């Protein structure tokens, strides 16, 4: 069995020098770093990035490895997206439908398969399925997680069943814990899942970086202006959201801003500073891999769990199906295995992470494993031709505690996007991304596009029906009586 597995790994091009001094040279280590609310264009090397943003270590991953430029999530919300990463499944299949619900019984996570194949597996940071639980989860031999969203400062981690309080900035603390684990001697390959809270709202950079961009120019999106041009023809809920929770006009009351002088400018600058704090910690990780010799046999993947609007359409948040919300950074670095400067242009999703990392490790799914909706992009990282999808599915279910965004079902092709607003008396949306990348002009009633609209609608609902996605999980409010719901203030 070991010989067959080594041959398979060699065929995948994964032979390398041992990591930790004693592991099988054909077996790669995997370091998966997940950030929270990191939008796709806040990377220093991206032409769309603010000119002042500094992310030299993330830039290095792209320069010396691969940038998957068209990476998306299937649900733009923390817990559902994280469950999709771990299961390779759409939200309607894994059923983690919001940020409060625990994982359902019988759910399977891809680290379980790595663990069964002989990997040491470790988790650090934000799990966020089962909001109040920090208990160790299956699939990990080492666990250091916190409850729910956790804290930016002085976090308490449950380390293998025992809670321990730490002093300092959360991203620094988690990185230090992960590096300490990386430096331990081991006889097996490892999978390390490092999950930051940053840059989740409300944005908090490391104290040493707060104010770093205080004088930097702030970018106001063209669609942020409250004008008829921006909202004419759009679904009504889009304009209404800007006045409620997750809208820029509501934000400007100061309720959601920790700065002494609440403003969009402060929001924008704190976000950039928090991303810079992440980048600095990624540099610490890369330094550790190089110092220990682990870099020669380790695949590093960096990803955001969802995007984040910074003024687009008058929003500051995610959840919706617009590009700022559903696109994420995705970088892969593996010296000797991924050619430097590789750019993958195919549309990939969070549901593709599980099958991709399993293929990279040469670990097949057991015959009885639950079906994954994603597919492996490992061949694309190797520069090999592979059949690929020509469209993406997106789904978000309305949340009682964040009612400004309706249930959304969407289909995105390379050029077009169709969005169905479910459960509200409102118009749907259709955008030509080729001519309107800002999604400013809703073409849903334009006669010339009716054929494309019908095709997208037919494909969307046929695929949802085929995979069980037309049965929405209607969940009661968590912790409150159904008759006593109060709108968020």
Protein backbone atom coordinates (compact mmCIF):
# COMPACT_ATOMS: atom_id res chain seq x y z
CA UNK A 1 0.00 0.00 0.00
CA UNK A 2 2.77 2.45 0.93
CA UNK A 3 4.62 1.63 -2.31
CA UNK A 4 1.48 2.21 -4.40
CA UNK A 5 0.82 5.50 -2.61
CA UNK A 6 4.41 6.66 -3.17
CA UNK A 7 4.17 5.79 -6.87
CA UNK A 8 0.94 7.78 -7.12
CA UNK A 9 2.55 10.77 -5.44
CA UNK A 10 5.55 10.59 -7.75
CA UNK A 11 3.18 10.55 -10.75
CA UNK A 12 1.60 13.72 -9.36
CA UNK A 13 5.01 15.37 -9.30
CA UNK A 14 5.20 15.60 -5.51
CA UNK A 15 8.57 14.02 -4.82
CA UNK A 16 10.71 16.22 -2.60
CA UNK A 17 13.13 16.28 0.26
CA UNK A 18 11.95 15.12 3.67
CA UNK A 19 10.24 17.57 6.00
CA UNK A 20 11.12 17.35 9.66
CA UNK A 21 14.07 15.12 8.77
CA UNK A 22 12.31 11.77 8.77
CA UNK A 23 9.11 11.78 6.69
CA UNK A 24 8.65 10.02 3.36
CA UNK A 25 10.16 12.40 0.78
CA UNK A 26 7.26 11.77 -1.63
CA UNK A 27 4.63 13.04 0.79
CA UNK A 28 4.02 16.82 0.90
CA UNK A 29 3.23 18.82 3.98
CA UNK A 30 0.32 21.25 3.65
CA UNK A 31 -0.08 24.63 5.35
CA UNK A 32 -3.52 26.14 4.73
CA UNK A 33 -3.98 29.73 5.91
CA UNK A 34 -7.50 31.16 5.97
CA UNK A 35 -8.32 34.80 6.64
CA UNK A 36 -11.74 36.31 7.26
CA UNK A 37 -13.33 39.01 5.06
CA UNK A 38 -10.21 39.50 2.92
CA UNK A 39 -11.44 40.76 -0.44
CA UNK A 40 -9.74 39.57 -3.62
CA UNK A 41 -8.20 42.87 -4.70
CA UNK A 42 -6.49 43.83 -1.43
CA UNK A 43 -3.18 42.28 -2.41
CA UNK A 44 -0.28 44.61 -3.13
CA UNK A 45 0.53 43.06 -6.51
CA UNK A 46 -3.02 43.44 -7.82
CA UNK A 47 -3.51 46.40 -10.17
CA UNK A 48 -6.87 47.05 -8.47
CA UNK A 49 -5.30 47.31 -4.99
CA UNK A 50 -4.88 50.65 -3.21
CA UNK A 51 -1.45 51.98 -4.20
CA UNK A 52 -0.37 52.33 -0.57
CA UNK A 53 -1.21 48.75 0.52
CA UNK A 54 1.83 46.68 1.58
CA UNK A 55 1.56 42.88 1.35
CA UNK A 56 5.11 41.79 0.41
CA UNK A 57 4.78 38.23 1.74
CA UNK A 58 1.46 37.49 0.06
CA UNK A 59 2.92 39.05 -3.07
CA UNK A 60 5.81 36.63 -2.73
CA UNK A 61 3.45 33.65 -2.68
CA UNK A 62 2.02 34.79 -6.01
CA UNK A 63 5.41 35.68 -7.49
CA UNK A 64 7.09 32.41 -6.54
CA UNK A 65 3.97 30.26 -6.79
CA UNK A 66 0.49 30.63 -8.24
CA UNK A 67 -2.29 33.18 -8.15
CA UNK A 68 -5.75 31.78 -8.79
CA UNK A 69 -7.11 35.06 -10.04
CA UNK A 70 -10.76 34.06 -10.37
CA UNK A 71 -11.48 32.49 -7.00
CA UNK A 72 -14.97 32.63 -5.52
CA UNK A 73 -17.00 31.34 -2.60
CA UNK A 74 -20.27 29.46 -2.95
CA UNK A 75 -21.71 31.33 0.07
CA UNK A 76 -20.31 34.64 1.28
CA UNK A 77 -20.69 34.12 5.03
CA UNK A 78 -18.18 32.83 7.57
CA UNK A 79 -19.58 29.53 8.82
CA UNK A 80 -21.18 28.28 5.57
CA UNK A 81 -18.02 29.12 3.61
CA UNK A 82 -15.78 27.40 6.14
CA UNK A 83 -17.97 24.31 6.05
CA UNK A 84 -17.77 24.33 2.23
CA UNK A 85 -13.97 24.52 2.42
CA UNK A 86 -13.81 21.58 4.82
CA UNK A 87 -16.42 19.38 3.11
CA UNK A 88 -16.11 20.30 -0.57
CA UNK A 89 -19.88 20.77 -0.58
CA UNK A 90 -22.39 23.52 -1.24
CA UNK A 91 -24.22 24.95 1.75
CA UNK A 92 -27.48 23.25 0.81
CA UNK A 93 -25.67 19.92 1.07
CA UNK A 94 -23.62 20.35 4.26
CA UNK A 95 -26.48 22.36 5.91
CA UNK A 96 -24.34 24.79 7.92
CA UNK A 97 -26.68 27.59 6.92
CA UNK A 98 -25.66 30.46 9.19
CA UNK A 99 -23.12 31.58 11.78
CA UNK A 100 -24.92 30.14 14.80
CA UNK A 101 -25.63 26.50 13.91
CA UNK A 102 -23.27 23.66 14.79
CA UNK A 103 -22.11 21.13 12.26
CA UNK A 104 -24.81 18.50 11.61
CA UNK A 105 -24.30 14.93 12.73
CA UNK A 106 -22.40 12.84 10.22
CA UNK A 107 -20.66 15.70 8.43
CA UNK A 108 -17.21 14.74 7.11
CA UNK A 109 -14.19 17.06 6.87
CA UNK A 110 -11.31 16.44 4.47
CA UNK A 111 -8.66 16.53 7.28
CA UNK A 112 -10.24 13.28 8.48
CA UNK A 113 -9.06 11.60 5.27
CA UNK A 114 -5.58 13.09 5.62
CA UNK A 115 -5.44 11.90 9.21
CA UNK A 116 -6.49 8.38 8.18
CA UNK A 117 -3.75 8.40 5.52
CA UNK A 118 -1.06 9.06 8.15
CA UNK A 119 -0.93 12.85 8.39
CA UNK A 120 -0.51 14.75 11.62
CA UNK A 121 -3.20 17.39 11.52
CA UNK A 122 -3.48 20.61 13.51
CA UNK A 123 -5.99 23.46 13.73
CA UNK A 124 -5.39 26.97 15.10
CA UNK A 125 -7.88 29.80 15.44
CA UNK A 126 -11.39 30.49 14.21
CA UNK A 127 -13.61 27.46 13.60
CA UNK A 128 -16.98 29.23 13.91
CA UNK A 129 -19.36 26.33 13.40
CA UNK A 130 -21.39 26.03 16.55
CA UNK A 131 -20.91 29.63 17.67
CA UNK A 132 -20.45 28.98 21.38
CA UNK A 133 -18.29 25.88 21.12
CA UNK A 134 -14.50 25.81 21.11
CA UNK A 135 -14.32 22.05 21.66
CA UNK A 136 -11.81 20.06 19.57
CA UNK A 137 -13.28 18.82 16.31
CA UNK A 138 -12.74 15.54 14.52
CA UNK A 139 -9.98 15.27 11.96
CA UNK A 140 -7.33 17.06 14.01
CA UNK A 141 -4.63 15.54 16.19
CA UNK A 142 -3.85 18.96 17.66
CA UNK A 143 -6.48 21.63 18.39
CA UNK A 144 -6.14 25.26 19.48
CA UNK A 145 -9.40 27.05 18.72
CA UNK A 146 -11.53 29.81 20.19
CA UNK A 147 -15.26 30.32 20.52
CA UNK A 148 -17.26 31.96 17.76
CA UNK A 149 -15.71 35.10 16.35
CA UNK A 150 -13.07 35.18 19.07
CA UNK A 151 -11.30 38.39 20.04
CA UNK A 152 -8.72 40.57 18.37
CA UNK A 153 -6.83 40.94 21.64
CA UNK A 154 -5.94 38.59 24.51
CA UNK A 155 -7.66 35.49 23.11
CA UNK A 156 -8.53 32.37 25.08
CA UNK A 157 -7.74 29.16 23.21
CA UNK A 158 -9.01 25.68 23.91
CA UNK A 159 -5.85 23.66 23.49
CA UNK A 160 -6.73 19.99 23.19
CA UNK A 161 -9.51 20.34 25.74
CA UNK A 162 -7.90 22.79 28.20
CA UNK A 163 -8.49 26.54 27.98
CA UNK A 164 -5.58 28.94 28.19
CA UNK A 165 -5.61 32.74 28.12
CA UNK A 166 -3.03 34.57 26.01
CA UNK A 167 -1.89 38.18 25.95
CA UNK A 168 -1.44 40.02 22.69
CA UNK A 169 -2.89 40.50 19.23
CA UNK A 170 -4.88 37.46 18.08
CA UNK A 171 -3.17 37.06 14.69
CA UNK A 172 0.27 37.18 16.35
CA UNK A 173 -0.78 34.69 19.04
CA UNK A 174 -2.15 32.18 16.55
CA UNK A 175 0.93 32.45 14.33
CA UNK A 176 3.24 31.91 17.31
CA UNK A 177 1.27 28.83 18.33
CA UNK A 178 1.38 27.45 14.80
CA UNK A 179 5.13 28.06 14.48
CA UNK A 180 5.78 26.32 17.80
CA UNK A 181 3.86 23.31 16.49
CA UNK A 182 5.73 23.40 13.16
CA UNK A 183 9.07 23.24 14.94
CA UNK A 184 8.21 20.03 16.77
CA UNK A 185 10.04 16.92 15.50
CA UNK A 186 7.74 14.47 13.73
CA UNK A 187 7.88 11.27 11.72
CA UNK A 188 4.80 11.98 9.61
CA UNK A 189 3.76 14.57 7.03
CA UNK A 190 1.56 17.34 8.41
CA UNK A 191 -1.53 19.34 7.55
CA UNK A 192 -1.73 22.63 9.44
CA UNK A 193 -4.93 24.72 9.21
CA UNK A 194 -4.32 28.26 10.50
CA UNK A 195 -7.53 30.29 10.63
CA UNK A 196 -7.27 33.99 11.47
CA UNK A 197 -10.05 36.22 12.77
CA UNK A 198 -8.53 39.15 10.85
CA UNK A 199 -9.53 41.15 8.92
CA UNK A 200 -13.10 40.56 10.14
CA UNK A 201 -15.21 43.63 10.93
CA UNK A 202 -14.80 45.71 13.07
CA UNK A 203 -11.29 45.92 11.65
CA UNK A 204 -8.47 45.93 14.19
CA UNK A 205 -4.85 45.96 13.02
CA UNK A 206 -1.97 45.05 15.30
CA UNK A 207 -1.27 48.07 17.57
CA UNK A 208 2.10 48.56 15.89
CA UNK A 209 0.30 49.09 12.57
CA UNK A 210 -2.66 51.20 13.69
CA UNK A 211 -2.41 54.56 11.96
CA UNK A 212 0.13 53.29 9.41
CA UNK A 213 -2.12 54.49 6.57
CA UNK A 214 -3.66 57.45 8.39
CA UNK A 215 -2.82 59.86 5.59
CA UNK A 216 -3.38 57.45 2.71
CA UNK A 217 -5.95 58.39 0.05
CA UNK A 218 -9.22 56.50 0.35
CA UNK A 219 -10.88 54.91 -2.66
CA UNK A 220 -14.58 55.62 -3.02
CA UNK A 221 -16.24 53.07 -5.33
CA UNK A 222 -18.21 54.50 -8.22
CA UNK A 223 -21.32 52.59 -7.10
CA UNK A 224 -21.20 54.00 -3.55
CA UNK A 225 -22.76 57.33 -4.49
CA UNK A 226 -26.46 57.58 -3.64
CA UNK A 227 -27.53 58.55 -7.14
CA UNK A 228 -30.28 57.50 -9.51
CA UNK A 229 -27.64 56.29 -11.95
CA UNK A 230 -26.39 53.75 -9.40
CA UNK A 231 -29.79 52.47 -8.31
CA UNK A 232 -32.08 52.90 -11.32
CA UNK A 233 -33.22 49.41 -12.32
CA UNK A 234 -31.48 47.65 -9.43
CA UNK A 235 -33.47 45.44 -7.04
CA UNK A 236 -35.15 47.67 -4.45
CA UNK A 237 -33.49 45.91 -1.52
CA UNK A 238 -30.06 47.05 -2.77
CA UNK A 239 -30.78 50.73 -2.17
CA UNK A 240 -32.70 50.04 1.04
CA UNK A 241 -29.76 48.14 2.50
CA UNK A 242 -27.52 51.20 2.48
CA UNK A 243 -29.75 52.75 5.17
CA UNK A 244 -29.88 49.66 7.38
CA UNK A 245 -27.45 47.20 8.89
CA UNK A 246 -24.42 46.68 6.63
CA UNK A 247 -25.16 49.93 4.77
CA UNK A 248 -22.77 52.87 4.61
CA UNK A 249 -25.38 55.43 5.62
CA UNK A 250 -26.22 53.46 8.75
CA UNK A 251 -22.51 52.96 9.47
CA UNK A 252 -21.96 56.69 9.45
CA UNK A 253 -24.10 57.01 12.59
CA UNK A 254 -21.08 55.53 14.37
CA UNK A 255 -22.81 52.45 15.76
CA UNK A 256 -20.40 50.04 14.09
CA UNK A 257 -17.19 52.05 14.16
CA UNK A 258 -14.72 51.93 17.06
CA UNK A 259 -12.79 54.98 15.91
CA UNK A 260 -13.24 58.24 17.86
CA UNK A 261 -14.41 59.90 14.62
CA UNK A 262 -16.59 57.40 12.75
CA UNK A 263 -16.18 57.63 8.99
CA UNK A 264 -15.83 55.61 5.86
CA UNK A 265 -12.24 56.78 5.60
CA UNK A 266 -11.39 55.24 8.96
CA UNK A 267 -13.14 52.00 7.98
CA UNK A 268 -11.11 51.79 4.77
CA UNK A 269 -7.76 52.57 6.40
CA UNK A 270 -8.24 50.22 9.36
CA UNK A 271 -9.09 47.44 6.91
CA UNK A 272 -5.87 47.99 4.95
CA UNK A 273 -3.84 48.07 8.17
CA UNK A 274 -5.43 44.81 9.34
CA UNK A 275 -4.58 43.13 6.02
CA UNK A 276 -1.00 44.35 6.43
CA UNK A 277 -0.90 42.74 9.89
CA UNK A 278 -1.93 39.42 8.32
CA UNK A 279 0.78 39.74 5.70
CA UNK A 280 3.44 40.29 8.34
CA UNK A 281 2.41 37.04 10.04
CA UNK A 282 2.44 35.15 6.74
CA UNK A 283 6.05 36.30 6.47
CA UNK A 284 6.75 34.78 9.90
CA UNK A 285 5.34 31.45 8.70
CA UNK A 286 7.41 31.43 5.53
CA UNK A 287 10.50 32.28 7.54
CA UNK A 288 9.87 29.33 9.84
CA UNK A 289 9.43 26.95 6.89
CA UNK A 290 12.72 28.09 5.41
CA UNK A 291 14.65 27.96 8.67
CA UNK A 292 13.54 24.39 9.34
CA UNK A 293 13.94 23.13 5.77
CA UNK A 294 10.21 22.46 5.59
CA UNK A 295 9.71 24.82 2.65
CA UNK A 296 11.22 22.25 0.30
CA UNK A 297 8.38 19.80 0.90
CA UNK A 298 5.44 22.00 1.88
CA UNK A 299 2.48 23.27 -0.10
CA UNK A 300 1.27 26.63 1.26
CA UNK A 301 -2.23 27.82 0.36
CA UNK A 302 -3.64 31.21 1.38
CA UNK A 303 -7.32 32.05 1.02
CA UNK A 304 -10.05 34.36 2.28
CA UNK A 305 -13.33 32.86 3.51
CA UNK A 306 -15.37 35.53 1.69
CA UNK A 307 -14.97 38.94 0.18
CA UNK A 308 -16.10 42.24 1.67
CA UNK A 309 -17.73 45.32 0.19
CA UNK A 310 -16.03 48.59 1.04
CA UNK A 311 -18.70 50.96 -0.23
CA UNK A 312 -19.72 49.08 -3.38
CA UNK A 313 -23.49 49.59 -3.91
CA UNK A 314 -23.55 51.40 -0.57
CA UNK A 315 -22.59 48.25 1.38
CA UNK A 316 -19.97 47.35 3.92
CA UNK A 317 -20.24 43.60 4.45
CA UNK A 318 -20.59 40.42 2.44
CA UNK A 319 -23.61 38.04 2.02
CA UNK A 320 -24.78 39.48 -1.33
CA UNK A 321 -23.82 38.01 -4.71
CA UNK A 322 -21.89 41.00 -6.05
CA UNK A 323 -18.25 40.58 -7.06
CA UNK A 324 -16.76 42.36 -4.03
CA UNK A 325 -18.58 39.89 -1.79
CA UNK A 326 -18.00 36.58 -3.55
CA UNK A 327 -14.45 36.94 -4.90
CA UNK A 328 -11.53 36.02 -2.63
CA UNK A 329 -7.73 35.90 -2.72
CA UNK A 330 -6.33 32.42 -3.40
CA UNK A 331 -2.58 31.79 -3.59
CA UNK A 332 -0.57 28.56 -3.72
CA UNK A 333 3.18 28.17 -3.16
CA UNK A 334 5.21 24.98 -3.40
CA UNK A 335 8.85 25.37 -4.52
CA UNK A 336 9.69 22.73 -7.10
CA UNK A 337 6.05 21.72 -7.52
CA UNK A 338 4.34 24.91 -8.70
CA UNK A 339 6.08 26.99 -11.34
CA UNK A 340 6.85 30.54 -10.20
CA UNK A 341 4.45 33.14 -11.59
CA UNK A 342 1.69 30.68 -12.45
CA UNK A 343 -1.64 32.42 -13.04
CA UNK A 344 -4.79 30.31 -13.07
CA UNK A 345 -7.63 32.10 -14.84
CA UNK A 346 -10.32 29.43 -14.56
CA UNK A 347 -13.13 30.05 -12.06
CA UNK A 348 -12.47 28.09 -8.88
CA UNK A 349 -14.47 28.03 -5.64
CA UNK A 350 -14.09 27.26 -1.96
CA UNK A 351 -15.73 23.87 -2.60
CA UNK A 352 -12.62 23.00 -4.64
CA UNK A 353 -10.18 23.27 -1.74
CA UNK A 354 -10.91 19.85 -0.23
CA UNK A 355 -10.51 17.78 -3.43
CA UNK A 356 -7.48 19.84 -4.50
CA UNK A 357 -5.53 19.37 -1.26
CA UNK A 358 -6.44 15.69 -1.13
CA UNK A 359 -5.13 15.19 -4.66
CA UNK A 360 -1.99 17.14 -3.85
CA UNK A 361 -1.43 14.77 -0.92
CA UNK A 362 -2.22 11.70 -3.01
CA UNK A 363 -5.07 10.75 -0.69
CA UNK A 364 -8.12 9.32 -2.47
CA UNK A 365 -11.61 9.61 -1.05
CA UNK A 366 -12.95 6.38 0.46
CA UNK A 367 -15.72 4.75 -1.57
CA UNK A 368 -18.23 5.46 1.20
CA UNK A 369 -17.28 9.14 1.57
CA UNK A 370 -20.01 11.75 1.05
CA UNK A 371 -20.04 13.24 -2.41
CA UNK A 372 -18.07 16.47 -2.92
CA UNK A 373 -19.45 19.16 -5.21
CA UNK A 374 -16.04 20.68 -5.86
CA UNK A 375 -13.29 19.48 -8.15
CA UNK A 376 -9.52 19.47 -7.86
CA UNK A 377 -7.64 22.42 -9.34
CA UNK A 378 -4.30 20.73 -8.58
CA UNK A 379 -3.77 19.95 -12.31
CA UNK A 380 -4.26 23.65 -13.10
CA UNK A 381 -1.52 24.52 -10.62
CA UNK A 382 0.72 22.07 -12.43
CA UNK A 383 0.04 23.73 -15.77
CA UNK A 384 -1.83 20.69 -17.06
CA UNK A 385 -4.95 20.92 -19.19
CA UNK A 386 -8.07 19.73 -17.41
CA UNK A 387 -11.79 19.86 -18.19
CA UNK A 388 -13.25 22.72 -16.19
CA UNK A 389 -16.53 24.37 -15.31
CA UNK A 390 -17.95 27.27 -17.29
CA UNK A 391 -20.20 28.60 -14.53
CA UNK A 392 -20.52 28.89 -10.75
CA UNK A 393 -23.43 28.49 -8.36
CA UNK A 394 -23.96 30.84 -5.42
CA UNK A 395 -26.45 30.68 -2.56
CA UNK A 396 -27.17 32.70 0.55
CA UNK A 397 -30.13 32.16 2.91
CA UNK A 398 -31.84 35.11 4.62
CA UNK A 399 -30.92 35.50 8.30
CA UNK A 400 -33.47 36.69 10.84
CA UNK A 401 -30.82 38.66 12.75
CA UNK A 402 -29.43 40.38 9.62
CA UNK A 403 -32.60 40.96 7.61
CA UNK A 404 -31.35 43.53 5.10
CA UNK A 405 -30.19 40.87 2.58
CA UNK A 406 -32.75 38.44 1.11
CA UNK A 407 -32.17 34.83 0.14
CA UNK A 408 -30.05 34.93 -3.02
CA UNK A 409 -29.50 32.23 -5.62
CA UNK A 410 -27.10 33.11 -8.41
CA UNK A 411 -25.29 31.75 -11.42
CA UNK A 412 -22.10 33.33 -12.75
CA UNK A 413 -20.50 32.54 -16.08
CA UNK A 414 -17.31 34.07 -17.46
CA UNK A 415 -19.37 36.98 -18.81
CA UNK A 416 -22.83 37.03 -17.25
CA UNK A 417 -24.35 36.88 -13.78
CA UNK A 418 -27.98 36.10 -12.95
CA UNK A 419 -29.23 36.70 -9.39
CA UNK A 420 -32.62 35.47 -8.17
CA UNK A 421 -33.93 37.34 -5.11
CA UNK A 422 -36.03 34.77 -3.29
CA UNK A 423 -38.80 35.56 -0.81
CA UNK A 424 -39.14 39.28 -1.57
CA UNK A 425 -41.42 41.09 -4.02
CA UNK A 426 -38.59 42.50 -6.07
CA UNK A 427 -36.95 42.30 -9.47
CA UNK A 428 -34.14 39.84 -10.16
CA UNK A 429 -30.78 40.98 -11.52
CA UNK A 430 -28.71 40.24 -14.60
CA UNK A 431 -25.33 41.80 -15.39
CA UNK A 432 -22.98 41.71 -18.35
CA UNK A 433 -19.65 41.55 -16.54
CA UNK A 434 -17.77 42.03 -19.80
CA UNK A 435 -19.10 45.54 -20.34
CA UNK A 436 -20.20 46.33 -16.76
CA UNK A 437 -17.72 44.86 -14.26
CA UNK A 438 -19.06 47.21 -11.54
CA UNK A 439 -22.53 45.61 -11.86
CA UNK A 440 -24.11 49.03 -12.12
CA UNK A 441 -26.66 48.29 -14.86
CA UNK A 442 -29.32 45.65 -14.27
CA UNK A 443 -30.31 44.19 -17.66
CA UNK A 444 -33.06 41.91 -16.36
CA UNK A 445 -35.77 43.54 -18.53
CA UNK A 446 -33.66 44.35 -21.60
CA UNK A 447 -35.12 42.41 -24.59
CA UNK A 448 -31.74 41.68 -26.18
CA UNK A 449 -30.65 39.64 -23.13
CA UNK A 450 -33.77 37.56 -22.52
CA UNK A 451 -32.29 34.45 -24.16
CA UNK A 452 -29.20 34.56 -21.94
CA UNK A 453 -31.33 35.27 -18.87
CA UNK A 454 -33.59 32.30 -19.53
CA UNK A 455 -30.56 30.04 -20.10
CA UNK A 456 -28.92 31.13 -16.83
CA UNK A 457 -32.16 30.76 -14.90
CA UNK A 458 -32.78 27.30 -16.34
CA UNK A 459 -29.26 26.11 -15.53
CA UNK A 460 -29.34 27.54 -12.01
CA UNK A 461 -32.57 25.91 -10.93
CA UNK A 462 -31.89 22.62 -12.75
CA UNK A 463 -28.58 22.20 -10.95
CA UNK A 464 -30.04 23.22 -7.58
CA UNK A 465 -32.86 20.72 -8.03
CA UNK A 466 -30.46 17.95 -9.04
CA UNK A 467 -28.34 18.41 -5.91
CA UNK A 468 -31.12 19.03 -3.41
CA UNK A 469 -30.69 22.79 -3.31
CA UNK A 470 -34.35 23.76 -3.65
CA UNK A 471 -35.24 22.67 -0.12
CA UNK A 472 -34.20 25.59 2.09
CA UNK A 473 -33.45 24.94 5.77
CA UNK A 474 -35.81 27.27 7.63
CA UNK A 475 -34.20 27.68 11.02
CA UNK A 476 -35.67 29.35 14.13
CA UNK A 477 -33.86 32.30 15.73
CA UNK A 478 -31.11 31.18 18.07
CA UNK A 479 -31.60 32.10 21.72
CA UNK A 480 -34.76 34.18 21.31
CA UNK A 481 -38.47 33.45 21.33
CA UNK A 482 -40.05 33.47 17.89
CA UNK A 483 -42.64 36.02 19.04
CA UNK A 484 -40.10 38.43 20.51
CA UNK A 485 -37.68 39.19 17.70
CA UNK A 486 -36.13 42.63 17.69
CA UNK A 487 -34.45 44.28 14.75
CA UNK A 488 -30.69 44.86 15.15
CA UNK A 489 -29.84 48.40 16.20
